[in-house]
C-alpha atoms as a PDB file:
ATOM      1  CA  MET A   1       0.776   3.323  12.224  1.00  0.00           C
ATOM      2  CA  ASN A   2       2.907   6.319  13.308  1.00  0.00           C
ATOM      3  CA  ASN A   3       5.270   4.009  15.261  1.00  0.00           C
ATOM      4  CA  VAL A   4       5.797   1.877  12.249  1.00  0.00           C
ATOM      5  CA  SER A   5       6.152   4.688   9.864  1.00  0.00           C
ATOM      6  CA  PHE A   6       9.056   6.092  11.779  1.00  0.00           C
ATOM      7  CA  TYR A   7      11.254   3.137  10.596  1.00  0.00           C
ATOM      8  CA  PHE A   8      10.465   3.922   6.900  1.00  0.00           C
ATOM      9  CA  ARG A   9      11.715   7.617   6.830  1.00  0.00           C
ATOM     10  CA  SER A  10      14.753   8.012   4.411  1.00  0.00           C
ATOM     11  CA  THR A  11      16.321  10.490   6.763  1.00  0.00           C
ATOM     12  CA  ILE A  12      16.718   7.946   9.371  1.00  0.00           C
ATOM     13  CA  ASN A  13      16.955   4.516   7.641  1.00  0.00           C
ATOM     14  CA  SER A  14      18.085   2.807   4.516  1.00  0.00           C
ATOM     15  CA  HIS A  15      16.419   0.322   2.220  1.00  0.00           C
ATOM     16  CA  GLU A  16      18.265  -2.403   3.829  1.00  0.00           C
ATOM     17  CA  PHE A  17      16.933  -1.480   7.408  1.00  0.00           C
ATOM     18  CA  ALA A  18      13.444  -0.886   5.965  1.00  0.00           C
ATOM     19  CA  TYR A  19      13.356  -4.477   4.635  1.00  0.00           C
ATOM     20  CA  THR A  20      14.654  -5.823   7.912  1.00  0.00           C
ATOM     21  CA  THR A  21      11.679  -3.901   9.575  1.00  0.00           C
ATOM     22  CA  LEU A  22       9.344  -5.449   6.943  1.00  0.00           C
ATOM     23  CA  ASN A  23      10.617  -8.876   7.688  1.00  0.00           C
ATOM     24  CA  LYS A  24       9.545  -8.526  11.215  1.00  0.00           C
ATOM     25  CA  ILE A  25       6.040  -6.942  10.494  1.00  0.00           C
ATOM     26  CA  PHE A  26       5.214  -9.482   7.798  1.00  0.00           C
ATOM     27  CA  GLN A  27       6.265 -12.532   9.770  1.00  0.00           C
ATOM     28  CA  GLN A  28       3.777 -11.483  12.505  1.00  0.00           C
ATOM     29  CA  ALA A  29       1.181 -10.312  10.083  1.00  0.00           C
ATOM     30  CA  ALA A  30       1.127 -13.456   8.055  1.00  0.00           C
ATOM     31  CA  GLU A  31       0.816 -15.660  11.151  1.00  0.00           C
ATOM     32  CA  LYS A  32      -2.105 -13.663  12.433  1.00  0.00           C
ATOM     33  CA  TYR A  33      -3.597 -13.600   9.027  1.00  0.00           C
ATOM     34  CA  ILE A  34      -3.545 -17.444   8.977  1.00  0.00           C
ATOM     35  CA  ALA A  35      -5.508 -17.705  12.154  1.00  0.00           C
ATOM     36  CA  CYS A  36      -8.188 -15.243  10.898  1.00  0.00           C
ATOM     37  CA  CYS A  37      -8.442 -17.177   7.628  1.00  0.00           C
ATOM     38  CA  GLN A  38      -8.998 -20.446   9.431  1.00  0.00           C
ATOM     39  CA  GLU A  39     -11.883 -19.005  11.297  1.00  0.00           C
ATOM     40  CA  PHE A  40     -13.122 -17.219   7.951  1.00  0.00           C
ATOM     41  CA  LYS A  41     -12.981 -20.433   5.949  1.00  0.00           C
ATOM     42  CA  MET A  42     -14.641 -22.521   8.727  1.00  0.00           C
ATOM     43  CA  PHE A  43     -17.517 -19.913   9.166  1.00  0.00           C
ATOM     44  CA  HIS A  44     -18.101 -19.864   5.475  1.00  0.00           C
ATOM     45  CA  SER A  45     -17.719 -23.664   4.875  1.00  0.00           C
ATOM     46  CA  ARG A  46     -21.471 -23.984   4.508  1.00  0.00           C
ATOM     47  CA  THR A  47     -22.427 -20.761   2.833  1.00  0.00           C
ATOM     48  CA  THR A  48     -22.646 -19.582  -0.814  1.00  0.00           C
ATOM     49  CA  LEU A  49     -19.247 -17.819  -0.323  1.00  0.00           C
ATOM     50  CA  ALA A  50     -17.553 -21.301   0.277  1.00  0.00           C
ATOM     51  CA  SER A  51     -16.493 -21.733  -3.412  1.00  0.00           C
ATOM     52  CA  THR A  52     -14.673 -18.304  -3.466  1.00  0.00           C
ATOM     53  CA  VAL A  53     -13.252 -18.165   0.110  1.00  0.00           C
ATOM     54  CA  ASP A  54      -9.667 -18.970  -1.112  1.00  0.00           C
ATOM     55  CA  LEU A  55      -9.810 -16.312  -3.737  1.00  0.00           C
ATOM     56  CA  LYS A  56     -11.154 -13.726  -1.301  1.00  0.00           C
ATOM     57  CA  ILE A  57      -8.225 -14.561   1.089  1.00  0.00           C
ATOM     58  CA  CYS A  58      -5.672 -13.786  -1.680  1.00  0.00           C
ATOM     59  CA  GLN A  59      -7.479 -10.718  -2.766  1.00  0.00           C
ATOM     60  CA  ILE A  60      -7.257  -9.293   0.814  1.00  0.00           C
ATOM     61  CA  VAL A  61      -3.601 -10.157   0.928  1.00  0.00           C
ATOM     62  CA  TYR A  62      -3.079  -8.183  -2.312  1.00  0.00           C
ATOM     63  CA  VAL A  63      -5.112  -5.219  -1.223  1.00  0.00           C
ATOM     64  CA  VAL A  64      -3.319  -5.036   2.269  1.00  0.00           C
ATOM     65  CA  ILE A  65       0.133  -5.101   0.670  1.00  0.00           C
ATOM     66  CA  ARG A  66      -0.788  -2.440  -1.904  1.00  0.00           C
ATOM     67  CA  SER A  67      -2.343  -0.159   0.794  1.00  0.00           C
ATOM     68  CA  PHE A  68       0.580  -0.559   3.062  1.00  0.00           C
ATOM     69  CA  PHE A  69       2.924   0.393   0.247  1.00  0.00           C
ATOM     70  CA  LYS A  70       0.760   3.425  -0.728  1.00  0.00           C
ATOM     71  CA  TYR A  71       0.661   4.472   2.857  1.00  0.00           C
ATOM     72  CA  LEU A  72       4.485   4.342   3.026  1.00  0.00           C
ATOM     73  CA  VAL A  73       4.937   6.233  -0.143  1.00  0.00           C
ATOM     74  CA  CYS A  74       2.214   8.864   0.284  1.00  0.00           C
ATOM     75  CA  ASN A  75       2.128   9.378   3.969  1.00  0.00           C
ATOM     76  CA  VAL A  76       5.784   8.946   5.237  1.00  0.00           C
ATOM     77  CA  LYS A  77       7.882  11.889   4.179  1.00  0.00           C
ATOM     78  CA  PRO A  78      10.569  11.418   3.215  1.00  0.00           C
ATOM     79  CA  SER A  79       9.980   7.824   2.550  1.00  0.00           C
ATOM     80  CA  VAL A  80      12.556   5.115   1.978  1.00  0.00           C
ATOM     81  CA  PHE A  81      10.353   3.795  -0.775  1.00  0.00           C
ATOM     82  CA  ASP A  82       9.104   5.585  -3.968  1.00  0.00           C
ATOM     83  CA  ARG A  83       6.728   4.461  -6.590  1.00  0.00           C
ATOM     84  CA  THR A  84       9.253   2.569  -8.491  1.00  0.00           C
ATOM     85  CA  ASP A  85       9.825   0.117  -5.633  1.00  0.00           C
ATOM     86  CA  TYR A  86       6.220  -1.193  -5.857  1.00  0.00           C
ATOM     87  CA  HIS A  87       7.074  -4.432  -7.665  1.00  0.00           C
ATOM     88  CA  LYS A  88       9.917  -5.408  -5.480  1.00  0.00           C
ATOM     89  CA  PHE A  89       7.994  -4.556  -2.373  1.00  0.00           C
ATOM     90  CA  PHE A  90       4.892  -6.476  -3.520  1.00  0.00           C
ATOM     91  CA  LYS A  91       6.869  -9.437  -4.354  1.00  0.00           C
ATOM     92  CA  TYR A  92       8.915  -9.351  -0.995  1.00  0.00           C
ATOM     93  CA  SER A  93       5.680  -8.904   0.861  1.00  0.00           C
ATOM     94  CA  LEU A  94       3.725 -11.576  -0.756  1.00  0.00           C
ATOM     95  CA  SER A  95       6.479 -14.059  -0.128  1.00  0.00           C
ATOM     96  CA  PHE A  96       5.797 -14.108   3.641  1.00  0.00           C
ATOM     97  CA  PHE A  97       2.159 -14.874   3.065  1.00  0.00           C
ATOM     98  CA  ALA A  98       2.882 -17.562   0.503  1.00  0.00           C
ATOM     99  CA  ARG A  99       5.373 -19.156   2.884  1.00  0.00           C
ATOM    100  CA  ARG A 100       2.981 -19.253   5.808  1.00  0.00           C
ATOM    101  CA  PHE A 101       0.037 -20.590   3.814  1.00  0.00           C
ATOM    102  CA  LEU A 102       2.527 -23.232   2.498  1.00  0.00           C
ATOM    103  CA  ALA A 103       2.830 -24.494   6.124  1.00  0.00           C
ATOM    104  CA  TYR A 104      -0.917 -24.945   6.267  1.00  0.00           C
ATOM    105  CA  LYS A 105      -1.051 -26.428   2.696  1.00  0.00           C
ATOM    106  CA  ASN A 106      -3.560 -29.124   3.657  1.00  0.00           C
ATOM    107  CA  GLN A 107      -6.204 -26.568   4.827  1.00  0.00           C
ATOM    108  CA  PHE A 108      -5.461 -23.789   2.126  1.00  0.00           C
ATOM    109  CA  ARG A 109      -4.430 -25.851  -1.011  1.00  0.00           C
ATOM    110  CA  ASN A 110      -6.143 -23.419  -3.327  1.00  0.00           C
ATOM    111  CA  VAL A 111      -4.651 -20.308  -1.721  1.00  0.00           C
ATOM    112  CA  VAL A 112      -1.226 -21.907  -2.037  1.00  0.00           C
ATOM    113  CA  ALA A 113      -1.790 -22.525  -5.672  1.00  0.00           C
ATOM    114  CA  ILE A 114      -3.000 -18.984  -6.321  1.00  0.00           C
ATOM    115  CA  LEU A 115      -0.245 -17.352  -4.426  1.00  0.00           C
ATOM    116  CA  ARG A 116       2.373 -19.508  -6.236  1.00  0.00           C
ATOM    117  CA  ALA A 117       0.819 -18.647  -9.604  1.00  0.00           C
ATOM    118  CA  LYS A 118       0.871 -14.873  -8.584  1.00  0.00           C
ATOM    119  CA  MET A 119       4.585 -15.218  -7.459  1.00  0.00           C
ATOM    120  CA  GLU A 120       5.674 -16.938 -10.746  1.00  0.00           C
ATOM    121  CA  ARG A 121       3.772 -14.203 -12.754  1.00  0.00           C
ATOM    122  CA  LEU A 122       5.535 -11.418 -10.821  1.00  0.00           C
ATOM    123  CA  ASP A 123       9.027 -13.214 -11.677  1.00  0.00           C
ATOM    124  CA  THR A 124       8.102 -13.058 -15.350  1.00  0.00           C
ATOM    125  CA  GLU A 125       6.659  -9.617 -15.387  1.00  0.00           C
ATOM    126  CA  ASN A 126       8.434  -6.372 -16.162  1.00  0.00           C
ATOM    127  CA  THR A 127       9.768  -4.890 -12.974  1.00  0.00           C
ATOM    128  CA  SER A 128       8.809  -1.297 -13.880  1.00  0.00           C
ATOM    129  CA  PHE A 129       5.537  -1.281 -12.006  1.00  0.00           C
ATOM    130  CA  PHE A 130       3.978   2.023 -11.041  1.00  0.00           C
ATOM    131  CA  ILE A 131       1.251   2.511  -8.387  1.00  0.00           C
ATOM    132  CA  ASN A 132      -1.324   5.186  -8.841  1.00  0.00           C
END
């Protein structure tokens, strides 16, 4: 993480450059996550978890995005991001995963529906989110 965190220091970079870096990170992360989710879904297709796999996939995305933001705010000093950037960061990050799952819509129909609903809710919610 130290190599990545370097790109998010406000003494070196701006918001624009930080989002360019996020673009590169999330393109790769979303693609790799799809591969993991395909195996995860296949593995649990005949277990009791089968009915909730899609929800679990989305929950993991949310936790990873939130944790990454928290890392950038709390551990990178001085960070390009502060707590007030959470809503924008979350929306931006989630869009990468939503787009990649959309490419695999036949396999992840429910994940696409959940992520779309979340994106729509984020569009209508107040943008003054704060993270604890």
